[in-house]
Each structure stands twice: as structure tokens, then as C-alpha cells.
């Protein structure tokens, strides 16, 4: 069994408040959950209104499968116009 863990630091330029940030993140997390069947949550930066740290994980039988899912989620986030990836880190256990 392989477990993939990814932490992504995001910049949300259109957010003017914590409420706006929550709306953007909720939409993004819901779309990712539906599309890729991963667990995802905001893990840091809860009190910052233009910055968020999101973590997601995936479990699979093969390292290649887990790595492919991680890459697809990152590509999906990069193509999302409301957020910008500042940095990310992937670990596969």
C-alpha cells in the first residue's frame, strides 16, 4: 500500500475577506473531491484572507498510480483561475 501526501501553499488574489477565501476554498475542495476521490482540507493559514495551505492525500496499491493522482490534482489547481500555487511538497510513503 502506498500513501501520497501533498501540502500546497496557495495565494487567493480575488479574496477580500475570510468569508471570500472560504467560498473559494470550499468550491475548490469540492471539485477536487468529486474529480479525484482524495481527502483534502485546509491545514494552515486559517486566519489569513489571501493565503491558504491545503493538504490532500491519496491511497493506492502502486507508487505510479498515487504519483499520477497527485500530479493531476496539482495540474487541476494550477488551471484554476481563482488561486495561484506558491509552493507545494509531495511525499509518498
PDB file of N, CA and C in Angstrom:
ATOM      1  N   UNK A   1       0.849  -1.182   0.000  1.00  0.00           N
ATOM      2  CA  UNK A   1       0.000   0.000   0.000  1.00  0.00           C
ATOM      3  C   UNK A   1       0.889   1.239   0.000  1.00  0.00           C
ATOM      4  N   UNK A   2       0.520   2.190  -0.827  1.00  0.00           N
ATOM      5  CA  UNK A   2       1.229   3.470  -0.916  1.00  0.00           C
ATOM      6  C   UNK A   2       0.292   4.601  -0.516  1.00  0.00           C
ATOM      7  N   UNK A   3       0.846   5.562   0.211  1.00  0.00           N
ATOM      8  CA  UNK A   3       0.080   6.736   0.632  1.00  0.00           C
ATOM      9  C   UNK A   3       0.798   7.969   0.107  1.00  0.00           C
ATOM     10  N   UNK A   4       0.084   8.810  -0.594  1.00  0.00           N
ATOM     11  CA  UNK A   4       0.629  10.074  -1.077  1.00  0.00           C
ATOM     12  C   UNK A   4       0.061  11.225  -0.279  1.00  0.00           C
ATOM     13  N   UNK A   5       0.949  12.118   0.136  1.00  0.00           N
ATOM     14  CA  UNK A   5       0.545  13.293   0.910  1.00  0.00           C
ATOM     15  C   UNK A   5       1.114  14.521   0.211  1.00  0.00           C
ATOM     16  N   UNK A   6       0.286  15.515   0.001  1.00  0.00           N
ATOM     17  CA  UNK A   6       0.731  16.748  -0.646  1.00  0.00           C
ATOM     18  C   UNK A   6       0.252  17.947   0.157  1.00  0.00           C
ATOM     19  N   UNK A   7       1.154  18.888   0.353  1.00  0.00           N
ATOM     20  CA  UNK A   7       0.826  20.151   1.006  1.00  0.00           C
ATOM     21  C   UNK A   7       1.062  21.260  -0.009  1.00  0.00           C
ATOM     22  N   UNK A   8       0.059  22.101  -0.220  1.00  0.00           N
ATOM     23  CA  UNK A   8       0.134  23.163  -1.224  1.00  0.00           C
ATOM     24  C   UNK A   8      -0.147  24.505  -0.566  1.00  0.00           C
ATOM     25  N   UNK A   9       0.747  25.454  -0.799  1.00  0.00           N
ATOM     26  CA  UNK A   9       0.539  26.823  -0.321  1.00  0.00           C
ATOM     27  C   UNK A   9      -0.085  27.622  -1.463  1.00  0.00           C
ATOM     28  N   UNK A  10      -1.231  28.233  -1.201  1.00  0.00           N
ATOM     29  CA  UNK A  10      -1.992  28.938  -2.231  1.00  0.00           C
ATOM     30  C   UNK A  10      -2.102  30.428  -1.937  1.00  0.00           C
ATOM     31  N   UNK A  11      -2.137  31.220  -3.001  1.00  0.00           N
ATOM     32  CA  UNK A  11      -2.432  32.648  -2.917  1.00  0.00           C
ATOM     33  C   UNK A  11      -3.774  32.861  -3.601  1.00  0.00           C
ATOM     34  N   UNK A  12      -4.686  33.540  -2.909  1.00  0.00           N
ATOM     35  CA  UNK A  12      -6.037  33.783  -3.422  1.00  0.00           C
ATOM     36  C   UNK A  12      -6.170  35.285  -3.651  1.00  0.00           C
ATOM     37  N   UNK A  13      -5.897  35.732  -4.864  1.00  0.00           N
ATOM     38  CA  UNK A  13      -5.804  37.171  -5.147  1.00  0.00           C
ATOM     39  C   UNK A  13      -7.156  37.881  -5.104  1.00  0.00           C
ATOM     40  N   UNK A  14      -8.227  37.211  -5.469  1.00  0.00           N
ATOM     41  CA  UNK A  14      -9.544  37.856  -5.527  1.00  0.00           C
ATOM     42  C   UNK A  14     -10.252  37.926  -4.180  1.00  0.00           C
ATOM     43  N   UNK A  15      -9.651  37.370  -3.148  1.00  0.00           N
ATOM     44  CA  UNK A  15     -10.291  37.335  -1.835  1.00  0.00           C
ATOM     45  C   UNK A  15     -10.118  38.661  -1.115  1.00  0.00           C
ATOM     46  N   UNK A  16     -11.226  39.207  -0.617  1.00  0.00           N
ATOM     47  CA  UNK A  16     -11.187  40.460   0.136  1.00  0.00           C
ATOM     48  C   UNK A  16     -11.499  40.263   1.612  1.00  0.00           C
ATOM     49  N   UNK A  17     -11.828  39.023   1.999  1.00  0.00           N
ATOM     50  CA  UNK A  17     -12.186  38.738   3.388  1.00  0.00           C
ATOM     51  C   UNK A  17     -12.017  37.243   3.636  1.00  0.00           C
ATOM     52  N   UNK A  18     -12.104  36.858   4.901  1.00  0.00           N
ATOM     53  CA  UNK A  18     -12.055  35.434   5.233  1.00  0.00           C
ATOM     54  C   UNK A  18     -13.248  34.689   4.638  1.00  0.00           C
ATOM     55  N   UNK A  19     -14.396  35.363   4.590  1.00  0.00           N
ATOM     56  CA  UNK A  19     -15.591  34.748   4.003  1.00  0.00           C
ATOM     57  C   UNK A  19     -15.372  34.458   2.514  1.00  0.00           C
ATOM     58  N   UNK A  20     -14.779  35.410   1.800  1.00  0.00           N
ATOM     59  CA  UNK A  20     -14.479  35.213   0.388  1.00  0.00           C
ATOM     60  C   UNK A  20     -13.492  34.082   0.173  1.00  0.00           C
ATOM     61  N   UNK A  21     -12.488  34.022   1.034  1.00  0.00           N
ATOM     62  CA  UNK A  21     -11.496  32.951   0.955  1.00  0.00           C
ATOM     63  C   UNK A  21     -12.166  31.598   1.173  1.00  0.00           C
ATOM     64  N   UNK A  22     -13.030  31.502   2.178  1.00  0.00           N
ATOM     65  CA  UNK A  22     -13.717  30.247   2.473  1.00  0.00           C
ATOM     66  C   UNK A  22     -14.570  29.786   1.293  1.00  0.00           C
ATOM     67  N   UNK A  23     -15.221  30.732   0.616  1.00  0.00           N
ATOM     68  CA  UNK A  23     -16.043  30.378  -0.544  1.00  0.00           C
ATOM     69  C   UNK A  23     -15.189  29.796  -1.665  1.00  0.00           C
ATOM     70  N   UNK A  24     -14.048  30.444  -1.937  1.00  0.00           N
ATOM     71  CA  UNK A  24     -13.147  29.966  -2.989  1.00  0.00           C
ATOM     72  C   UNK A  24     -12.615  28.579  -2.638  1.00  0.00           C
ATOM     73  N   UNK A  25     -12.151  28.407  -1.394  1.00  0.00           N
ATOM     74  CA  UNK A  25     -11.586  27.124  -0.980  1.00  0.00           C
ATOM     75  C   UNK A  25     -12.629  26.015  -0.949  1.00  0.00           C
ATOM     76  N   UNK A  26     -13.830  26.321  -0.494  1.00  0.00           N
ATOM     77  CA  UNK A  26     -14.884  25.296  -0.448  1.00  0.00           C
ATOM     78  C   UNK A  26     -15.196  24.791  -1.849  1.00  0.00           C
ATOM     79  N   UNK A  27     -15.315  25.708  -2.790  1.00  0.00           N
ATOM     80  CA  UNK A  27     -15.582  25.330  -4.171  1.00  0.00           C
ATOM     81  C   UNK A  27     -14.444  24.473  -4.732  1.00  0.00           C
ATOM     82  N   UNK A  28     -13.215  24.905  -4.497  1.00  0.00           N
ATOM     83  CA  UNK A  28     -12.048  24.175  -4.996  1.00  0.00           C
ATOM     84  C   UNK A  28     -11.980  22.776  -4.379  1.00  0.00           C
ATOM     85  N   UNK A  29     -12.134  22.688  -3.070  1.00  0.00           N
ATOM     86  CA  UNK A  29     -12.062  21.388  -2.393  1.00  0.00           C
ATOM     87  C   UNK A  29     -13.170  20.449  -2.866  1.00  0.00           C
ATOM     88  N   UNK A  30     -14.371  20.961  -3.041  1.00  0.00           N
ATOM     89  CA  UNK A  30     -15.485  20.126  -3.506  1.00  0.00           C
ATOM     90  C   UNK A  30     -15.228  19.583  -4.907  1.00  0.00           C
ATOM     91  N   UNK A  31     -14.727  20.437  -5.802  1.00  0.00           N
ATOM     92  CA  UNK A  31     -14.439  19.988  -7.170  1.00  0.00           C
ATOM     93  C   UNK A  31     -13.328  18.943  -7.187  1.00  0.00           C
ATOM     94  N   UNK A  32     -12.307  19.124  -6.351  1.00  0.00           N
ATOM     95  CA  UNK A  32     -11.206  18.155  -6.291  1.00  0.00           C
ATOM     96  C   UNK A  32     -11.693  16.825  -5.726  1.00  0.00           C
ATOM     97  N   UNK A  33     -12.489  16.868  -4.670  1.00  0.00           N
ATOM     98  CA  UNK A  33     -13.031  15.625  -4.084  1.00  0.00           C
ATOM     99  C   UNK A  33     -13.845  14.841  -5.117  1.00  0.00           C
ATOM    100  N   UNK A  34     -14.709  15.548  -5.844  1.00  0.00           N
ATOM    101  CA  UNK A  34     -15.560  14.890  -6.848  1.00  0.00           C
ATOM    102  C   UNK A  34     -14.738  14.312  -7.993  1.00  0.00           C
ATOM    103  N   UNK A  35     -13.726  15.043  -8.430  1.00  0.00           N
ATOM    104  CA  UNK A  35     -12.976  14.647  -9.620  1.00  0.00           C
ATOM    105  C   UNK A  35     -11.919  13.580  -9.357  1.00  0.00           C
ATOM    106  N   UNK A  36     -11.293  13.606  -8.181  1.00  0.00           N
ATOM    107  CA  UNK A  36     -10.120  12.759  -7.956  1.00  0.00           C
ATOM    108  C   UNK A  36     -10.237  11.800  -6.776  1.00  0.00           C
ATOM    109  N   UNK A  37     -11.312  11.846  -6.011  1.00  0.00           N
ATOM    110  CA  UNK A  37     -11.523  10.949  -4.875  1.00  0.00           C
ATOM    111  C   UNK A  37     -10.340  10.975  -3.902  1.00  0.00           C
ATOM    112  N   UNK A  38      -9.947  12.160  -3.486  1.00  0.00           N
ATOM    113  CA  UNK A  38      -8.889  12.336  -2.491  1.00  0.00           C
ATOM    114  C   UNK A  38      -9.474  13.006  -1.253  1.00  0.00           C
ATOM    115  N   UNK A  39      -8.764  12.885  -0.148  1.00  0.00           N
ATOM    116  CA  UNK A  39      -9.130  13.621   1.067  1.00  0.00           C
ATOM    117  C   UNK A  39      -8.394  14.948   1.033  1.00  0.00           C
ATOM    118  N   UNK A  40      -9.093  16.054   1.279  1.00  0.00           N
ATOM    119  CA  UNK A  40      -8.488  17.377   1.178  1.00  0.00           C
ATOM    120  C   UNK A  40      -9.042  18.285   2.270  1.00  0.00           C
ATOM    121  N   UNK A  41      -8.158  19.125   2.829  1.00  0.00           N
ATOM    122  CA  UNK A  41      -8.571  20.049   3.888  1.00  0.00           C
ATOM    123  C   UNK A  41      -7.598  21.221   3.947  1.00  0.00           C
ATOM    124  N   UNK A  42      -8.076  22.346   4.473  1.00  0.00           N
ATOM    125  CA  UNK A  42      -7.194  23.476   4.760  1.00  0.00           C
ATOM    126  C   UNK A  42      -6.461  23.143   6.055  1.00  0.00           C
ATOM    127  N   UNK A  43      -5.127  23.166   6.024  1.00  0.00           N
ATOM    128  CA  UNK A  43      -4.343  22.723   7.176  1.00  0.00           C
ATOM    129  C   UNK A  43      -3.575  23.848   7.867  1.00  0.00           C
ATOM    130  N   UNK A  44      -3.504  25.028   7.257  1.00  0.00           N
ATOM    131  CA  UNK A  44      -2.797  26.152   7.872  1.00  0.00           C
ATOM    132  C   UNK A  44      -3.250  27.443   7.191  1.00  0.00           C
ATOM    133  N   UNK A  45      -2.924  28.562   7.817  1.00  0.00           N
ATOM    134  CA  UNK A  45      -3.287  29.862   7.271  1.00  0.00           C
ATOM    135  C   UNK A  45      -4.753  30.179   7.415  1.00  0.00           C
ATOM    136  N   UNK A  46      -5.400  29.605   8.414  1.00  0.00           N
ATOM    137  CA  UNK A  46      -6.844  29.786   8.586  1.00  0.00           C
ATOM    138  C   UNK A  46      -7.249  31.229   8.826  1.00  0.00           C
ATOM    139  N   UNK A  47      -6.378  32.026   9.422  1.00  0.00           N
ATOM    140  CA  UNK A  47      -6.732  33.407   9.758  1.00  0.00           C
ATOM    141  C   UNK A  47      -6.223  34.421   8.734  1.00  0.00           C
ATOM    142  N   UNK A  48      -5.618  33.951   7.648  1.00  0.00           N
ATOM    143  CA  UNK A  48      -5.143  34.841   6.587  1.00  0.00           C
ATOM    144  C   UNK A  48      -6.150  34.822   5.444  1.00  0.00           C
ATOM    145  N   UNK A  49      -6.515  35.984   4.920  1.00  0.00           N
ATOM    146  CA  UNK A  49      -7.588  36.024   3.925  1.00  0.00           C
ATOM    147  C   UNK A  49      -7.130  35.924   2.480  1.00  0.00           C
ATOM    148  N   UNK A  50      -5.824  35.993   2.200  1.00  0.00           N
ATOM    149  CA  UNK A  50      -5.370  35.806   0.824  1.00  0.00           C
ATOM    150  C   UNK A  50      -4.416  34.630   0.676  1.00  0.00           C
ATOM    151  N   UNK A  51      -4.197  33.898   1.734  1.00  0.00           N
ATOM    152  CA  UNK A  51      -3.253  32.797   1.701  1.00  0.00           C
ATOM    153  C   UNK A  51      -3.868  31.588   2.395  1.00  0.00           C
ATOM    154  N   UNK A  52      -3.587  30.401   1.870  1.00  0.00           N
ATOM    155  CA  UNK A  52      -4.090  29.168   2.478  1.00  0.00           C
ATOM    156  C   UNK A  52      -3.078  28.058   2.245  1.00  0.00           C
ATOM    157  N   UNK A  53      -3.039  27.121   3.164  1.00  0.00           N
ATOM    158  CA  UNK A  53      -2.261  25.903   2.984  1.00  0.00           C
ATOM    159  C   UNK A  53      -3.256  24.749   3.003  1.00  0.00           C
ATOM    160  N   UNK A  54      -3.264  24.008   1.910  1.00  0.00           N
ATOM    161  CA  UNK A  54      -4.203  22.912   1.731  1.00  0.00           C
ATOM    162  C   UNK A  54      -3.406  21.615   1.665  1.00  0.00           C
ATOM    163  N   UNK A  55      -3.913  20.591   2.324  1.00  0.00           N
ATOM    164  CA  UNK A  55      -3.292  19.277   2.260  1.00  0.00           C
ATOM    165  C   UNK A  55      -4.267  18.271   1.690  1.00  0.00           C
ATOM    166  N   UNK A  56      -3.743  17.357   0.878  1.00  0.00           N
ATOM    167  CA  UNK A  56      -4.591  16.275   0.388  1.00  0.00           C
ATOM    168  C   UNK A  56      -3.799  14.975   0.373  1.00  0.00           C
ATOM    169  N   UNK A  57      -4.531  13.868   0.411  1.00  0.00           N
ATOM    170  CA  UNK A  57      -3.884  12.561   0.435  1.00  0.00           C
ATOM    171  C   UNK A  57      -4.626  11.582  -0.464  1.00  0.00           C
ATOM    172  N   UNK A  58      -3.877  10.573  -0.875  1.00  0.00           N
ATOM    173  CA  UNK A  58      -4.396   9.546  -1.769  1.00  0.00           C
ATOM    174  C   UNK A  58      -3.763   8.216  -1.367  1.00  0.00           C
ATOM    175  N   UNK A  59      -4.523   7.140  -1.451  1.00  0.00           N
ATOM    176  CA  UNK A  59      -4.024   5.803  -1.136  1.00  0.00           C
ATOM    177  C   UNK A  59      -4.188   4.927  -2.365  1.00  0.00           C
ATOM    178  N   UNK A  60      -3.161   4.113  -2.649  1.00  0.00           N
ATOM    179  CA  UNK A  60      -3.233   3.204  -3.779  1.00  0.00           C
ATOM    180  C   UNK A  60      -2.284   2.038  -3.616  1.00  0.00           C
ATOM    181  N   UNK A  61      -2.365   1.093  -4.544  1.00  0.00           N
ATOM    182  CA  UNK A  61      -1.508  -0.094  -4.495  1.00  0.00           C
ATOM    183  C   UNK A  61      -0.126   0.155  -5.068  1.00  0.00           C
ATOM    184  N   UNK A  62      -0.021   1.094  -6.011  1.00  0.00           N
ATOM    185  CA  UNK A  62       1.246   1.320  -6.701  1.00  0.00           C
ATOM    186  C   UNK A  62       1.676   2.769  -6.572  1.00  0.00           C
ATOM    187  N   UNK A  63       2.977   2.950  -6.483  1.00  0.00           N
ATOM    188  CA  UNK A  63       3.540   4.297  -6.370  1.00  0.00           C
ATOM    189  C   UNK A  63       3.198   5.130  -7.607  1.00  0.00           C
ATOM    190  N   UNK A  64       3.236   4.511  -8.776  1.00  0.00           N
ATOM    191  CA  UNK A  64       2.944   5.222 -10.016  1.00  0.00           C
ATOM    192  C   UNK A  64       1.531   5.777 -10.057  1.00  0.00           C
ATOM    193  N   UNK A  65       0.572   4.992  -9.586  1.00  0.00           N
ATOM    194  CA  UNK A  65      -0.819   5.442  -9.552  1.00  0.00           C
ATOM    195  C   UNK A  65      -0.980   6.633  -8.614  1.00  0.00           C
ATOM    196  N   UNK A  66      -0.417   6.508  -7.402  1.00  0.00           N
ATOM    197  CA  UNK A  66      -0.528   7.582  -6.409  1.00  0.00           C
ATOM    198  C   UNK A  66       0.131   8.851  -6.935  1.00  0.00           C
ATOM    199  N   UNK A  67       1.303   8.707  -7.532  1.00  0.00           N
ATOM    200  CA  UNK A  67       2.017   9.864  -8.080  1.00  0.00           C
ATOM    201  C   UNK A  67       1.213  10.516  -9.204  1.00  0.00           C
ATOM    202  N   UNK A  68       0.573   9.715 -10.047  1.00  0.00           N
ATOM    203  CA  UNK A  68      -0.233  10.255 -11.147  1.00  0.00           C
ATOM    204  C   UNK A  68      -1.427  11.048 -10.618  1.00  0.00           C
ATOM    205  N   UNK A  69      -2.087  10.534  -9.577  1.00  0.00           N
ATOM    206  CA  UNK A  69      -3.221  11.256  -8.989  1.00  0.00           C
ATOM    207  C   UNK A  69      -2.752  12.587  -8.416  1.00  0.00           C
ATOM    208  N   UNK A  70      -1.620  12.568  -7.707  1.00  0.00           N
ATOM    209  CA  UNK A  70      -1.079  13.804  -7.122  1.00  0.00           C
ATOM    210  C   UNK A  70      -0.797  14.839  -8.214  1.00  0.00           C
ATOM    211  N   UNK A  71      -0.168  14.391  -9.295  1.00  0.00           N
ATOM    212  CA  UNK A  71       0.142  15.305 -10.399  1.00  0.00           C
ATOM    213  C   UNK A  71      -1.125  15.869 -11.038  1.00  0.00           C
ATOM    214  N   UNK A  72      -2.152  15.052 -11.186  1.00  0.00           N
ATOM    215  CA  UNK A  72      -3.408  15.519 -11.783  1.00  0.00           C
ATOM    216  C   UNK A  72      -4.089  16.571 -10.911  1.00  0.00           C
ATOM    217  N   UNK A  73      -4.056  16.363  -9.596  1.00  0.00           N
ATOM    218  CA  UNK A  73      -4.666  17.345  -8.692  1.00  0.00           C
ATOM    219  C   UNK A  73      -3.903  18.665  -8.763  1.00  0.00           C
ATOM    220  N   UNK A  74      -2.580  18.601  -8.772  1.00  0.00           N
ATOM    221  CA  UNK A  74      -1.771  19.824  -8.858  1.00  0.00           C
ATOM    222  C   UNK A  74      -2.035  20.544 -10.180  1.00  0.00           C
ATOM    223  N   UNK A  75      -2.107  19.796 -11.284  1.00  0.00           N
ATOM    224  CA  UNK A  75      -2.429  20.410 -12.581  1.00  0.00           C
ATOM    225  C   UNK A  75      -3.805  21.070 -12.551  1.00  0.00           C
ATOM    226  N   UNK A  76      -4.766  20.415 -11.926  1.00  0.00           N
ATOM    227  CA  UNK A  76      -6.118  20.966 -11.804  1.00  0.00           C
ATOM    228  C   UNK A  76      -6.089  22.290 -11.050  1.00  0.00           C
ATOM    229  N   UNK A  77      -5.359  22.336  -9.946  1.00  0.00           N
ATOM    230  CA  UNK A  77      -5.273  23.567  -9.156  1.00  0.00           C
ATOM    231  C   UNK A  77      -4.565  24.663  -9.945  1.00  0.00           C
ATOM    232  N   UNK A  78      -3.507  24.300 -10.676  1.00  0.00           N
ATOM    233  CA  UNK A  78      -2.786  25.296 -11.483  1.00  0.00           C
ATOM    234  C   UNK A  78      -3.683  25.921 -12.546  1.00  0.00           C
ATOM    235  N   UNK A  79      -4.645  25.170 -13.054  1.00  0.00           N
ATOM    236  CA  UNK A  79      -5.554  25.676 -14.089  1.00  0.00           C
ATOM    237  C   UNK A  79      -6.746  26.437 -13.515  1.00  0.00           C
ATOM    238  N   UNK A  80      -6.855  26.482 -12.194  1.00  0.00           N
ATOM    239  CA  UNK A  80      -7.950  27.197 -11.544  1.00  0.00           C
ATOM    240  C   UNK A  80      -7.603  28.681 -11.478  1.00  0.00           C
ATOM    241  N   UNK A  81      -8.407  29.551 -12.097  1.00  0.00           N
ATOM    242  CA  UNK A  81      -8.042  30.974 -12.176  1.00  0.00           C
ATOM    243  C   UNK A  81      -8.136  31.738 -10.855  1.00  0.00           C
ATOM    244  N   UNK A  82      -8.854  31.217  -9.870  1.00  0.00           N
ATOM    245  CA  UNK A  82      -9.051  31.960  -8.620  1.00  0.00           C
ATOM    246  C   UNK A  82      -7.926  31.768  -7.616  1.00  0.00           C
ATOM    247  N   UNK A  83      -7.029  30.803  -7.855  1.00  0.00           N
ATOM    248  CA  UNK A  83      -5.921  30.557  -6.927  1.00  0.00           C
ATOM    249  C   UNK A  83      -4.608  30.434  -7.689  1.00  0.00           C
ATOM    250  N   UNK A  84      -3.523  30.687  -6.968  1.00  0.00           N
ATOM    251  CA  UNK A  84      -2.182  30.566  -7.531  1.00  0.00           C
ATOM    252  C   UNK A  84      -1.345  29.738  -6.562  1.00  0.00           C
ATOM    253  N   UNK A  85      -0.638  28.740  -7.091  1.00  0.00           N
ATOM    254  CA  UNK A  85       0.219  27.908  -6.244  1.00  0.00           C
ATOM    255  C   UNK A  85       1.515  28.653  -5.970  1.00  0.00           C
ATOM    256  N   UNK A  86       1.824  28.842  -4.690  1.00  0.00           N
ATOM    257  CA  UNK A  86       3.085  29.456  -4.282  1.00  0.00           C
ATOM    258  C   UNK A  86       4.158  28.379  -4.172  1.00  0.00           C
ATOM    259  N   UNK A  87       3.813  27.273  -3.522  1.00  0.00           N
ATOM    260  CA  UNK A  87       4.762  26.182  -3.307  1.00  0.00           C
ATOM    261  C   UNK A  87       3.978  24.910  -3.000  1.00  0.00           C
ATOM    262  N   UNK A  88       4.598  23.764  -3.247  1.00  0.00           N
ATOM    263  CA  UNK A  88       3.975  22.506  -2.849  1.00  0.00           C
ATOM    264  C   UNK A  88       5.040  21.459  -2.553  1.00  0.00           C
ATOM    265  N   UNK A  89       4.644  20.472  -1.773  1.00  0.00           N
ATOM    266  CA  UNK A  89       5.547  19.389  -1.382  1.00  0.00           C
ATOM    267  C   UNK A  89       4.771  18.079  -1.438  1.00  0.00           C
ATOM    268  N   UNK A  90       5.352  17.080  -2.093  1.00  0.00           N
ATOM    269  CA  UNK A  90       4.730  15.764  -2.209  1.00  0.00           C
ATOM    270  C   UNK A  90       5.585  14.740  -1.471  1.00  0.00           C
ATOM    271  N   UNK A  91       4.922  13.900  -0.693  1.00  0.00           N
ATOM    272  CA  UNK A  91       5.577  12.771  -0.034  1.00  0.00           C
ATOM    273  C   UNK A  91       4.802  11.517  -0.392  1.00  0.00           C
ATOM    274  N   UNK A  92       5.522  10.465  -0.751  1.00  0.00           N
ATOM    275  CA  UNK A  92       4.882   9.177  -0.995  1.00  0.00           C
ATOM    276  C   UNK A  92       5.509   8.171  -0.039  1.00  0.00           C
ATOM    277  N   UNK A  93       4.662   7.598   0.785  1.00  0.00           N
ATOM    278  CA  UNK A  93       5.121   6.659   1.816  1.00  0.00           C
ATOM    279  C   UNK A  93       4.823   5.234   1.400  1.00  0.00           C
TER     280      UNK A  93
END
